[in-house]
């Protein structure tokens, strides 16, 4: 039986709409989502999407359930220091995790196993348990430091997926660009999606 649990982290990089749309799609696919939100991510979400989430995990969960009209039982919002959360332990954490968007700072902390907060610890757990970790890095240009950190993680089996939407599907809106990126993430997670036509099929 497939373990339909996943950890999703939002950090302070630009690209909050990617993370929100990914959350919506995962919940629609009947996944139980453990959502981790950094303080900087809340600032970015308010700036880019106009959604001001409470610092209280329980209140933030209520806000997201209302905003997305989703099943409340499928969404668990964890505090940044909730060390008793399942995601903090290799014996209980989901085998899949996505950091979307992933800041350069979070990238560096994950690359060096800092584990100073729950996002970093959850990523460290997935790596050590040989699970699937996807980092949707949003930064430009990449410095040599960024590239070295990405190479280090890639060698460990981490999927580094910069937020770089394509245009060959002729997007008509920003939402189309967001869906392109989210579709690629879902593909890598093995989650069925119909957000974007697959290359070659709509041309045949």
N, C-alpha and C. Protein backbone atom coordinates (compact mmCIF):
# COMPACT_ATOMS: atom_id res chain seq x y z
N UNK A 1 0.85 -1.20 0.00
CA UNK A 1 0.00 0.00 0.00
C UNK A 1 0.88 1.25 0.00
N UNK A 2 0.57 2.23 -0.83
CA UNK A 2 1.34 3.45 -0.92
C UNK A 2 1.14 4.30 0.33
N UNK A 3 2.25 4.81 0.85
CA UNK A 3 2.20 5.71 2.00
C UNK A 3 1.84 7.10 1.50
N UNK A 4 0.59 7.48 1.66
CA UNK A 4 0.14 8.77 1.14
C UNK A 4 0.30 9.85 2.20
N UNK A 5 1.54 9.97 2.69
CA UNK A 5 1.91 11.03 3.61
C UNK A 5 3.13 11.74 3.03
N UNK A 6 3.18 13.03 3.22
CA UNK A 6 4.30 13.79 2.67
C UNK A 6 4.56 15.01 3.54
N UNK A 7 5.81 15.42 3.60
CA UNK A 7 6.18 16.65 4.30
C UNK A 7 6.40 17.74 3.27
N UNK A 8 5.78 18.89 3.51
CA UNK A 8 5.95 20.05 2.62
C UNK A 8 6.44 21.21 3.47
N UNK A 9 7.53 21.83 3.05
CA UNK A 9 8.08 22.98 3.77
C UNK A 9 8.08 24.21 2.89
N UNK A 10 7.71 25.33 3.49
CA UNK A 10 7.79 26.63 2.82
C UNK A 10 8.86 27.45 3.52
N UNK A 11 9.82 27.95 2.76
CA UNK A 11 10.86 28.81 3.33
C UNK A 11 10.75 30.21 2.73
N UNK A 12 11.73 31.06 3.04
CA UNK A 12 11.59 32.48 2.72
C UNK A 12 11.97 32.93 1.34
N UNK A 13 12.16 32.02 0.40
CA UNK A 13 12.46 32.44 -0.97
C UNK A 13 11.19 32.95 -1.65
N UNK A 14 11.38 33.75 -2.68
CA UNK A 14 10.25 34.15 -3.51
C UNK A 14 9.68 32.89 -4.18
N UNK A 15 8.37 32.89 -4.39
CA UNK A 15 7.74 31.73 -5.01
C UNK A 15 6.69 31.09 -4.13
N UNK A 16 6.15 31.85 -3.19
CA UNK A 16 5.13 31.32 -2.30
C UNK A 16 3.93 30.72 -3.04
N UNK A 17 3.49 31.32 -4.18
CA UNK A 17 2.37 30.71 -4.90
C UNK A 17 2.63 29.28 -5.36
N UNK A 18 3.89 28.95 -5.64
CA UNK A 18 4.21 27.56 -5.98
C UNK A 18 3.88 26.64 -4.81
N UNK A 19 4.32 27.03 -3.64
CA UNK A 19 4.10 26.21 -2.46
C UNK A 19 2.63 26.04 -2.12
N UNK A 20 1.87 27.14 -2.25
CA UNK A 20 0.45 27.08 -1.93
C UNK A 20 -0.30 26.20 -2.93
N UNK A 21 0.04 26.31 -4.20
CA UNK A 21 -0.61 25.50 -5.23
C UNK A 21 -0.24 24.02 -5.07
N UNK A 22 1.01 23.76 -4.71
CA UNK A 22 1.44 22.38 -4.48
C UNK A 22 0.68 21.78 -3.31
N UNK A 23 0.51 22.54 -2.25
CA UNK A 23 -0.27 22.07 -1.11
C UNK A 23 -1.69 21.73 -1.54
N UNK A 24 -2.30 22.60 -2.32
CA UNK A 24 -3.66 22.37 -2.78
C UNK A 24 -3.77 21.08 -3.58
N UNK A 25 -2.79 20.84 -4.46
CA UNK A 25 -2.82 19.65 -5.31
C UNK A 25 -2.58 18.37 -4.51
N UNK A 26 -1.69 18.42 -3.55
CA UNK A 26 -1.40 17.25 -2.72
C UNK A 26 -2.63 16.87 -1.89
N UNK A 27 -3.29 17.87 -1.33
CA UNK A 27 -4.50 17.60 -0.55
C UNK A 27 -5.61 17.06 -1.45
N UNK A 28 -5.72 17.60 -2.66
CA UNK A 28 -6.73 17.11 -3.60
C UNK A 28 -6.46 15.68 -4.01
N UNK A 29 -5.18 15.27 -3.97
CA UNK A 29 -4.79 13.90 -4.31
C UNK A 29 -4.91 12.97 -3.10
N UNK A 30 -5.50 13.48 -2.02
CA UNK A 30 -5.78 12.70 -0.81
C UNK A 30 -4.52 12.34 -0.03
N UNK A 31 -3.52 13.20 -0.10
CA UNK A 31 -2.33 13.03 0.73
C UNK A 31 -2.53 13.68 2.08
N UNK A 32 -1.95 13.08 3.11
CA UNK A 32 -1.85 13.75 4.39
C UNK A 32 -0.57 14.56 4.36
N UNK A 33 -0.70 15.86 4.57
CA UNK A 33 0.43 16.76 4.42
C UNK A 33 0.85 17.33 5.77
N UNK A 34 2.12 17.13 6.09
CA UNK A 34 2.72 17.79 7.24
C UNK A 34 3.36 19.06 6.72
N UNK A 35 2.80 20.20 7.07
CA UNK A 35 3.26 21.48 6.52
C UNK A 35 4.13 22.21 7.54
N UNK A 36 5.33 22.59 7.08
CA UNK A 36 6.27 23.33 7.91
C UNK A 36 6.47 24.71 7.29
N UNK A 37 6.30 25.76 8.07
CA UNK A 37 6.34 27.12 7.54
C UNK A 37 7.34 27.94 8.33
N UNK A 38 8.35 28.47 7.67
CA UNK A 38 9.31 29.33 8.36
C UNK A 38 8.70 30.72 8.57
N UNK A 39 9.30 31.47 9.48
CA UNK A 39 8.83 32.84 9.73
C UNK A 39 8.95 33.69 8.47
N UNK A 40 10.05 33.52 7.75
CA UNK A 40 10.24 34.28 6.52
C UNK A 40 9.22 33.88 5.45
N UNK A 41 8.83 32.61 5.45
CA UNK A 41 7.85 32.15 4.47
C UNK A 41 6.50 32.83 4.68
N UNK A 42 6.14 33.08 5.92
CA UNK A 42 4.88 33.76 6.20
C UNK A 42 4.91 35.19 5.66
N UNK A 43 6.06 35.83 5.77
CA UNK A 43 6.22 37.19 5.24
C UNK A 43 6.09 37.18 3.72
N UNK A 44 6.75 36.23 3.07
CA UNK A 44 6.72 36.14 1.61
C UNK A 44 5.31 35.81 1.12
N UNK A 45 4.64 34.89 1.81
CA UNK A 45 3.28 34.52 1.42
C UNK A 45 2.35 35.73 1.49
N UNK A 46 2.48 36.52 2.52
CA UNK A 46 1.64 37.72 2.66
C UNK A 46 1.96 38.73 1.56
N UNK A 47 3.24 38.84 1.22
CA UNK A 47 3.68 39.81 0.21
C UNK A 47 3.27 39.39 -1.20
N UNK A 48 3.44 38.12 -1.53
CA UNK A 48 3.22 37.65 -2.89
C UNK A 48 1.81 37.17 -3.16
N UNK A 49 1.13 36.74 -2.12
CA UNK A 49 -0.20 36.16 -2.32
C UNK A 49 -1.30 36.87 -1.53
N UNK A 50 -0.91 37.72 -0.62
CA UNK A 50 -1.89 38.44 0.19
C UNK A 50 -2.50 37.61 1.29
N UNK A 51 -1.92 36.45 1.57
CA UNK A 51 -2.45 35.57 2.61
C UNK A 51 -1.57 35.70 3.85
N UNK A 52 -2.13 36.25 4.90
CA UNK A 52 -1.38 36.49 6.13
C UNK A 52 -1.68 35.37 7.13
N UNK A 53 -0.75 34.45 7.25
CA UNK A 53 -0.93 33.30 8.14
C UNK A 53 -0.48 33.63 9.55
N UNK A 54 -1.21 33.12 10.50
CA UNK A 54 -0.87 33.28 11.90
C UNK A 54 0.41 32.51 12.21
N UNK A 55 1.14 32.98 13.22
CA UNK A 55 2.33 32.26 13.69
C UNK A 55 1.94 31.02 14.48
N UNK A 56 0.69 30.95 14.91
CA UNK A 56 0.19 29.78 15.62
C UNK A 56 -0.10 28.67 14.62
N UNK A 57 0.50 27.49 14.77
CA UNK A 57 0.25 26.39 13.83
C UNK A 57 -1.23 26.03 13.72
N UNK A 58 -1.93 25.99 14.83
CA UNK A 58 -3.35 25.63 14.80
C UNK A 58 -4.17 26.67 14.06
N UNK A 59 -3.88 27.94 14.31
CA UNK A 59 -4.61 29.01 13.63
C UNK A 59 -4.27 29.03 12.14
N UNK A 60 -3.00 28.83 11.82
CA UNK A 60 -2.59 28.80 10.42
C UNK A 60 -3.29 27.67 9.68
N UNK A 61 -3.44 26.55 10.34
CA UNK A 61 -4.14 25.40 9.75
C UNK A 61 -5.59 25.77 9.45
N UNK A 62 -6.25 26.42 10.39
CA UNK A 62 -7.63 26.85 10.17
C UNK A 62 -7.73 27.81 8.98
N UNK A 63 -6.79 28.74 8.89
CA UNK A 63 -6.79 29.69 7.78
C UNK A 63 -6.62 29.00 6.43
N UNK A 64 -5.71 28.03 6.38
CA UNK A 64 -5.44 27.33 5.12
C UNK A 64 -6.61 26.44 4.73
N UNK A 65 -7.23 25.80 5.69
CA UNK A 65 -8.40 24.96 5.40
C UNK A 65 -9.52 25.81 4.82
N UNK A 66 -9.70 26.99 5.40
CA UNK A 66 -10.73 27.90 4.89
C UNK A 66 -10.37 28.43 3.51
N UNK A 67 -9.09 28.75 3.32
CA UNK A 67 -8.65 29.32 2.04
C UNK A 67 -8.73 28.31 0.90
N UNK A 68 -8.36 27.06 1.19
CA UNK A 68 -8.30 26.03 0.16
C UNK A 68 -9.54 25.15 0.10
N UNK A 69 -10.42 25.31 1.09
CA UNK A 69 -11.64 24.49 1.16
C UNK A 69 -11.28 23.00 1.13
N UNK A 70 -10.31 22.64 1.95
CA UNK A 70 -9.80 21.27 1.95
C UNK A 70 -10.26 20.52 3.20
N UNK A 71 -9.98 19.23 3.23
CA UNK A 71 -10.30 18.37 4.36
C UNK A 71 -9.33 18.69 5.50
N UNK A 72 -9.86 19.17 6.60
CA UNK A 72 -9.02 19.59 7.72
C UNK A 72 -8.19 18.45 8.28
N UNK A 73 -8.70 17.23 8.19
CA UNK A 73 -7.98 16.09 8.76
C UNK A 73 -6.72 15.73 7.97
N UNK A 74 -6.64 16.18 6.73
CA UNK A 74 -5.50 15.85 5.88
C UNK A 74 -4.33 16.82 6.05
N UNK A 75 -4.55 17.92 6.73
CA UNK A 75 -3.51 18.94 6.86
C UNK A 75 -3.06 19.07 8.30
N UNK A 76 -1.77 18.92 8.52
CA UNK A 76 -1.18 19.09 9.84
C UNK A 76 -0.09 20.15 9.72
N UNK A 77 -0.27 21.27 10.42
CA UNK A 77 0.73 22.33 10.41
C UNK A 77 1.57 22.20 11.68
N UNK A 78 2.87 22.12 11.49
CA UNK A 78 3.79 21.92 12.61
C UNK A 78 4.54 23.21 12.92
N UNK A 79 4.78 23.46 14.19
CA UNK A 79 5.59 24.59 14.60
C UNK A 79 7.06 24.34 14.29
N UNK A 80 7.84 25.41 14.18
CA UNK A 80 9.25 25.26 13.79
C UNK A 80 10.09 24.55 14.83
N UNK A 81 9.60 24.48 16.06
CA UNK A 81 10.33 23.78 17.13
C UNK A 81 9.54 22.60 17.67
N UNK A 82 8.65 22.06 16.85
CA UNK A 82 7.83 20.93 17.29
C UNK A 82 8.61 19.63 17.12
N UNK A 83 9.53 19.40 18.05
CA UNK A 83 10.43 18.25 17.93
C UNK A 83 9.73 16.93 18.17
N UNK A 84 8.47 16.98 18.65
CA UNK A 84 7.72 15.74 18.84
C UNK A 84 6.86 15.39 17.62
N UNK A 85 6.98 16.19 16.56
CA UNK A 85 6.27 15.89 15.32
C UNK A 85 6.85 14.64 14.68
N UNK A 86 6.03 13.83 14.00
CA UNK A 86 6.55 12.64 13.32
C UNK A 86 7.67 12.93 12.33
N UNK A 87 7.67 14.13 11.73
CA UNK A 87 8.68 14.44 10.72
C UNK A 87 10.07 14.57 11.30
N UNK A 88 10.17 14.67 12.62
CA UNK A 88 11.47 14.84 13.27
C UNK A 88 12.18 13.52 13.54
N UNK A 89 11.50 12.41 13.28
CA UNK A 89 12.08 11.10 13.61
C UNK A 89 12.07 10.17 12.41
N UNK A 90 13.18 9.47 12.22
CA UNK A 90 13.27 8.52 11.11
C UNK A 90 12.31 7.36 11.25
N UNK A 91 11.85 7.10 12.44
CA UNK A 91 10.93 5.98 12.66
C UNK A 91 9.49 6.31 12.32
N UNK A 92 9.21 7.60 12.08
CA UNK A 92 7.82 8.01 11.87
C UNK A 92 7.60 8.94 10.69
N UNK A 93 8.65 9.56 10.19
CA UNK A 93 8.50 10.59 9.16
C UNK A 93 8.05 10.02 7.83
N UNK A 94 7.28 10.79 7.05
CA UNK A 94 6.98 10.39 5.68
C UNK A 94 8.26 10.20 4.89
N UNK A 95 8.23 9.36 3.89
CA UNK A 95 9.42 9.07 3.09
C UNK A 95 9.66 10.11 2.00
N UNK A 96 8.69 11.00 1.79
CA UNK A 96 8.82 12.03 0.77
C UNK A 96 8.72 13.41 1.41
N UNK A 97 9.53 14.33 0.90
CA UNK A 97 9.49 15.72 1.39
C UNK A 97 9.83 16.66 0.25
N UNK A 98 9.13 17.79 0.22
CA UNK A 98 9.42 18.84 -0.75
C UNK A 98 9.62 20.15 0.00
N UNK A 99 10.66 20.88 -0.34
CA UNK A 99 10.82 22.24 0.16
C UNK A 99 10.54 23.17 -1.02
N UNK A 100 9.43 23.87 -0.95
CA UNK A 100 8.96 24.67 -2.09
C UNK A 100 8.22 25.91 -1.60
N UNK A 101 8.80 27.10 -1.76
CA UNK A 101 10.11 27.35 -2.35
C UNK A 101 11.22 27.10 -1.33
N UNK A 102 12.40 26.86 -1.85
CA UNK A 102 13.58 26.60 -1.02
C UNK A 102 14.55 27.77 -1.16
N UNK A 103 14.82 28.46 -0.06
CA UNK A 103 15.76 29.58 -0.09
C UNK A 103 17.20 29.08 -0.14
N UNK A 104 18.10 29.96 -0.53
CA UNK A 104 19.52 29.60 -0.56
C UNK A 104 20.03 29.29 0.84
N UNK A 105 19.48 29.98 1.85
CA UNK A 105 19.86 29.72 3.22
C UNK A 105 19.44 28.34 3.68
N UNK A 106 18.21 27.94 3.33
CA UNK A 106 17.73 26.61 3.68
C UNK A 106 18.52 25.55 2.94
N UNK A 107 18.84 25.82 1.69
CA UNK A 107 19.67 24.92 0.89
C UNK A 107 20.99 24.64 1.60
N UNK A 108 21.64 25.70 2.06
CA UNK A 108 22.92 25.56 2.73
C UNK A 108 22.80 24.79 4.03
N UNK A 109 21.78 25.11 4.82
CA UNK A 109 21.58 24.43 6.10
C UNK A 109 21.31 22.95 5.91
N UNK A 110 20.53 22.61 4.89
CA UNK A 110 20.23 21.21 4.61
C UNK A 110 21.49 20.50 4.13
N UNK A 111 22.27 21.18 3.29
CA UNK A 111 23.49 20.57 2.74
C UNK A 111 24.48 20.22 3.84
N UNK A 112 24.47 21.00 4.91
CA UNK A 112 25.43 20.77 5.99
C UNK A 112 24.80 20.15 7.23
N UNK A 113 23.55 19.68 7.11
CA UNK A 113 22.91 18.95 8.20
C UNK A 113 22.77 19.74 9.48
N UNK A 114 22.45 21.03 9.38
CA UNK A 114 22.42 21.89 10.56
C UNK A 114 21.33 21.50 11.56
N UNK A 115 20.12 21.20 11.06
CA UNK A 115 19.00 20.75 11.92
C UNK A 115 18.70 21.72 13.06
N UNK A 116 18.78 23.01 12.78
CA UNK A 116 18.50 24.01 13.81
C UNK A 116 17.01 24.30 13.97
N UNK A 117 16.20 23.87 13.01
CA UNK A 117 14.75 24.01 13.13
C UNK A 117 14.10 22.77 12.52
N UNK A 118 12.78 22.70 12.59
CA UNK A 118 12.10 21.47 12.16
C UNK A 118 12.23 21.23 10.66
N UNK A 119 12.28 22.29 9.86
CA UNK A 119 12.43 22.13 8.41
C UNK A 119 13.76 21.44 8.11
N UNK A 120 14.82 21.96 8.70
CA UNK A 120 16.15 21.38 8.47
C UNK A 120 16.24 19.96 9.01
N UNK A 121 15.66 19.72 10.18
CA UNK A 121 15.68 18.38 10.76
C UNK A 121 14.88 17.40 9.90
N UNK A 122 13.71 17.82 9.42
CA UNK A 122 12.88 16.94 8.59
C UNK A 122 13.61 16.55 7.32
N UNK A 123 14.31 17.52 6.71
CA UNK A 123 15.09 17.23 5.50
C UNK A 123 16.22 16.27 5.81
N UNK A 124 16.88 16.48 6.94
CA UNK A 124 17.98 15.62 7.36
C UNK A 124 17.48 14.18 7.56
N UNK A 125 16.29 14.05 8.13
CA UNK A 125 15.70 12.73 8.36
C UNK A 125 15.46 12.01 7.03
N UNK A 126 14.88 12.72 6.07
CA UNK A 126 14.58 12.10 4.78
C UNK A 126 15.87 11.65 4.09
N UNK A 127 16.91 12.46 4.19
CA UNK A 127 18.19 12.09 3.57
C UNK A 127 18.77 10.85 4.25
N UNK A 128 18.80 10.85 5.56
CA UNK A 128 19.43 9.73 6.27
C UNK A 128 18.63 8.44 6.14
N UNK A 129 17.32 8.56 5.94
CA UNK A 129 16.47 7.38 5.79
C UNK A 129 16.35 6.95 4.33
N UNK A 130 17.12 7.60 3.46
CA UNK A 130 17.14 7.27 2.03
C UNK A 130 15.75 7.45 1.39
N UNK A 131 15.07 8.52 1.82
CA UNK A 131 13.78 8.84 1.23
C UNK A 131 13.95 9.77 0.03
N UNK A 132 12.86 10.40 -0.39
CA UNK A 132 12.89 11.30 -1.54
C UNK A 132 12.74 12.74 -1.08
N UNK A 133 13.76 13.53 -1.33
CA UNK A 133 13.75 14.95 -0.98
C UNK A 133 13.86 15.78 -2.25
N UNK A 134 12.93 16.69 -2.44
CA UNK A 134 12.91 17.59 -3.59
C UNK A 134 13.05 19.02 -3.10
N UNK A 135 14.03 19.72 -3.60
CA UNK A 135 14.25 21.12 -3.23
C UNK A 135 13.96 22.02 -4.44
N UNK A 136 12.93 22.83 -4.31
CA UNK A 136 12.57 23.76 -5.39
C UNK A 136 13.25 25.09 -5.08
N UNK A 137 14.49 25.19 -5.53
CA UNK A 137 15.33 26.35 -5.20
C UNK A 137 14.91 27.55 -6.03
N UNK A 138 14.78 28.70 -5.36
CA UNK A 138 14.38 29.92 -6.06
C UNK A 138 15.42 31.00 -5.71
N UNK A 139 16.37 31.17 -6.62
CA UNK A 139 17.40 32.19 -6.48
C UNK A 139 18.00 32.43 -7.85
N UNK A 140 18.42 33.64 -8.11
CA UNK A 140 19.10 33.92 -9.38
C UNK A 140 19.92 35.20 -9.24
N UNK A 141 21.14 35.21 -9.73
CA UNK A 141 21.87 34.06 -10.27
C UNK A 141 22.35 33.17 -9.14
N UNK A 142 22.77 31.96 -9.48
CA UNK A 142 23.36 31.07 -8.50
C UNK A 142 24.83 31.42 -8.32
N UNK A 143 25.24 31.54 -7.05
CA UNK A 143 26.67 31.75 -6.78
C UNK A 143 27.37 30.39 -6.77
N UNK A 144 28.68 30.42 -6.73
CA UNK A 144 29.43 29.17 -6.65
C UNK A 144 29.07 28.41 -5.38
N UNK A 145 28.81 29.14 -4.30
CA UNK A 145 28.39 28.51 -3.04
C UNK A 145 27.09 27.75 -3.25
N UNK A 146 26.11 28.40 -3.89
CA UNK A 146 24.82 27.74 -4.15
C UNK A 146 25.02 26.47 -4.97
N UNK A 147 25.82 26.60 -6.03
CA UNK A 147 26.04 25.47 -6.94
C UNK A 147 26.76 24.32 -6.23
N UNK A 148 27.72 24.65 -5.38
CA UNK A 148 28.42 23.61 -4.64
C UNK A 148 27.48 22.89 -3.67
N UNK A 149 26.60 23.65 -3.03
CA UNK A 149 25.63 23.04 -2.12
C UNK A 149 24.66 22.14 -2.87
N UNK A 150 24.22 22.58 -4.04
CA UNK A 150 23.31 21.77 -4.84
C UNK A 150 23.99 20.49 -5.33
N UNK A 151 25.26 20.62 -5.74
CA UNK A 151 26.00 19.45 -6.19
C UNK A 151 26.17 18.44 -5.06
N UNK A 152 26.49 18.94 -3.88
CA UNK A 152 26.65 18.07 -2.72
C UNK A 152 25.38 17.29 -2.44
N UNK A 153 24.25 17.96 -2.47
CA UNK A 153 22.97 17.30 -2.19
C UNK A 153 22.57 16.36 -3.32
N UNK A 154 22.84 16.77 -4.56
CA UNK A 154 22.52 15.91 -5.69
C UNK A 154 23.27 14.59 -5.61
N UNK A 155 24.51 14.64 -5.17
CA UNK A 155 25.30 13.43 -5.02
C UNK A 155 24.73 12.50 -3.95
N UNK A 156 23.93 13.07 -3.03
CA UNK A 156 23.29 12.29 -1.97
C UNK A 156 21.92 11.76 -2.41
N UNK A 157 21.53 12.07 -3.64
CA UNK A 157 20.25 11.59 -4.14
C UNK A 157 19.11 12.58 -4.03
N UNK A 158 19.40 13.78 -3.58
CA UNK A 158 18.37 14.82 -3.48
C UNK A 158 18.08 15.38 -4.87
N UNK A 159 16.80 15.60 -5.16
CA UNK A 159 16.41 16.21 -6.43
C UNK A 159 16.39 17.72 -6.28
N UNK A 160 17.26 18.40 -7.02
CA UNK A 160 17.30 19.86 -7.00
C UNK A 160 16.56 20.35 -8.22
N UNK A 161 15.44 21.03 -8.00
CA UNK A 161 14.55 21.43 -9.09
C UNK A 161 14.31 22.94 -9.02
N UNK A 162 15.19 23.73 -9.62
CA UNK A 162 14.99 25.18 -9.60
C UNK A 162 13.63 25.58 -10.17
N UNK A 163 13.05 26.61 -9.59
CA UNK A 163 11.75 27.09 -10.06
C UNK A 163 11.95 27.79 -11.40
N UNK A 164 11.90 27.00 -12.47
CA UNK A 164 12.16 27.51 -13.82
C UNK A 164 11.07 27.01 -14.77
N UNK A 165 9.91 27.64 -14.77
CA UNK A 165 8.81 27.17 -15.62
C UNK A 165 9.13 27.29 -17.10
N UNK A 166 8.58 26.38 -17.89
CA UNK A 166 8.75 26.42 -19.33
C UNK A 166 7.66 27.25 -20.00
N UNK A 167 7.84 27.46 -21.29
CA UNK A 167 6.88 28.28 -22.04
C UNK A 167 6.35 27.56 -23.28
N UNK A 168 6.79 26.31 -23.49
CA UNK A 168 6.37 25.63 -24.71
C UNK A 168 4.90 25.25 -24.70
N UNK A 169 4.26 25.31 -23.52
CA UNK A 169 2.82 25.03 -23.48
C UNK A 169 1.99 26.30 -23.68
N UNK A 170 2.68 27.39 -24.04
CA UNK A 170 2.04 28.68 -24.34
C UNK A 170 1.15 29.16 -23.19
N UNK A 171 1.75 29.45 -22.04
CA UNK A 171 0.99 29.91 -20.88
C UNK A 171 0.27 31.22 -21.16
N UNK A 172 -0.93 31.31 -20.64
CA UNK A 172 -1.75 32.51 -20.85
C UNK A 172 -1.83 33.37 -19.59
N UNK A 173 -1.32 32.84 -18.48
CA UNK A 173 -1.43 33.57 -17.22
C UNK A 173 -0.31 33.14 -16.28
N UNK A 174 -0.17 33.87 -15.19
CA UNK A 174 0.80 33.49 -14.16
C UNK A 174 0.41 32.15 -13.56
N UNK A 175 -0.87 31.91 -13.41
CA UNK A 175 -1.33 30.62 -12.88
C UNK A 175 -0.86 29.46 -13.74
N UNK A 176 -0.81 29.67 -15.06
CA UNK A 176 -0.32 28.62 -15.97
C UNK A 176 1.15 28.32 -15.70
N UNK A 177 1.93 29.35 -15.41
CA UNK A 177 3.35 29.16 -15.12
C UNK A 177 3.54 28.44 -13.79
N UNK A 178 2.71 28.80 -12.82
CA UNK A 178 2.76 28.12 -11.52
C UNK A 178 2.40 26.65 -11.68
N UNK A 179 1.35 26.39 -12.45
CA UNK A 179 0.92 25.00 -12.65
C UNK A 179 1.98 24.18 -13.37
N UNK A 180 2.72 24.79 -14.28
CA UNK A 180 3.79 24.07 -14.98
C UNK A 180 4.81 23.54 -13.98
N UNK A 181 5.23 24.41 -13.07
CA UNK A 181 6.24 24.01 -12.10
C UNK A 181 5.69 22.97 -11.12
N UNK A 182 4.47 23.18 -10.67
CA UNK A 182 3.86 22.25 -9.72
C UNK A 182 3.65 20.89 -10.39
N UNK A 183 3.30 20.89 -11.66
CA UNK A 183 3.12 19.63 -12.38
C UNK A 183 4.41 18.83 -12.43
N UNK A 184 5.54 19.51 -12.65
CA UNK A 184 6.83 18.82 -12.69
C UNK A 184 7.18 18.23 -11.32
N UNK A 185 6.85 18.96 -10.27
CA UNK A 185 7.10 18.46 -8.91
C UNK A 185 6.25 17.21 -8.66
N UNK A 186 4.98 17.29 -9.01
CA UNK A 186 4.07 16.15 -8.80
C UNK A 186 4.53 14.93 -9.60
N UNK A 187 5.02 15.17 -10.81
CA UNK A 187 5.54 14.06 -11.62
C UNK A 187 6.67 13.34 -10.90
N UNK A 188 7.57 14.10 -10.32
CA UNK A 188 8.71 13.49 -9.62
C UNK A 188 8.29 12.77 -8.36
N UNK A 189 7.19 13.21 -7.77
CA UNK A 189 6.68 12.55 -6.56
C UNK A 189 5.84 11.32 -6.89
N UNK A 190 5.50 11.15 -8.16
CA UNK A 190 4.65 10.03 -8.55
C UNK A 190 3.18 10.28 -8.27
N UNK A 191 2.79 11.55 -8.24
CA UNK A 191 1.40 11.93 -7.99
C UNK A 191 0.73 12.25 -9.32
N UNK A 192 -0.38 11.59 -9.60
CA UNK A 192 -1.10 11.83 -10.85
C UNK A 192 -1.53 13.30 -10.93
N UNK A 193 -1.33 13.88 -12.10
CA UNK A 193 -1.72 15.28 -12.29
C UNK A 193 -2.14 15.52 -13.73
N UNK A 194 -3.04 16.47 -13.90
CA UNK A 194 -3.48 16.85 -15.24
C UNK A 194 -3.39 18.35 -15.43
N UNK A 195 -2.43 18.96 -14.76
CA UNK A 195 -2.31 20.42 -14.79
C UNK A 195 -1.81 20.94 -16.13
N UNK A 196 -0.87 20.20 -16.73
CA UNK A 196 -0.23 20.66 -17.97
C UNK A 196 -0.17 19.49 -18.95
N UNK A 197 -0.50 19.73 -20.23
CA UNK A 197 -0.39 18.65 -21.22
C UNK A 197 1.04 18.15 -21.32
N UNK A 198 1.22 16.85 -21.45
CA UNK A 198 2.57 16.29 -21.54
C UNK A 198 3.15 16.51 -22.93
N UNK A 199 4.45 16.72 -22.97
CA UNK A 199 5.14 17.03 -24.21
C UNK A 199 4.92 15.92 -25.25
N UNK A 200 4.53 16.36 -26.45
CA UNK A 200 4.38 15.42 -27.55
C UNK A 200 2.97 14.89 -27.74
N UNK A 201 2.21 14.78 -26.65
CA UNK A 201 0.88 14.17 -26.77
C UNK A 201 -0.13 15.10 -27.41
N UNK A 202 -0.06 16.41 -27.07
CA UNK A 202 -1.03 17.34 -27.64
C UNK A 202 -0.66 17.75 -29.06
N UNK A 203 0.58 17.38 -29.49
CA UNK A 203 0.98 17.72 -30.87
C UNK A 203 0.67 16.58 -31.84
N UNK A 204 0.35 15.39 -31.32
CA UNK A 204 0.15 14.24 -32.20
C UNK A 204 -1.29 14.15 -32.68
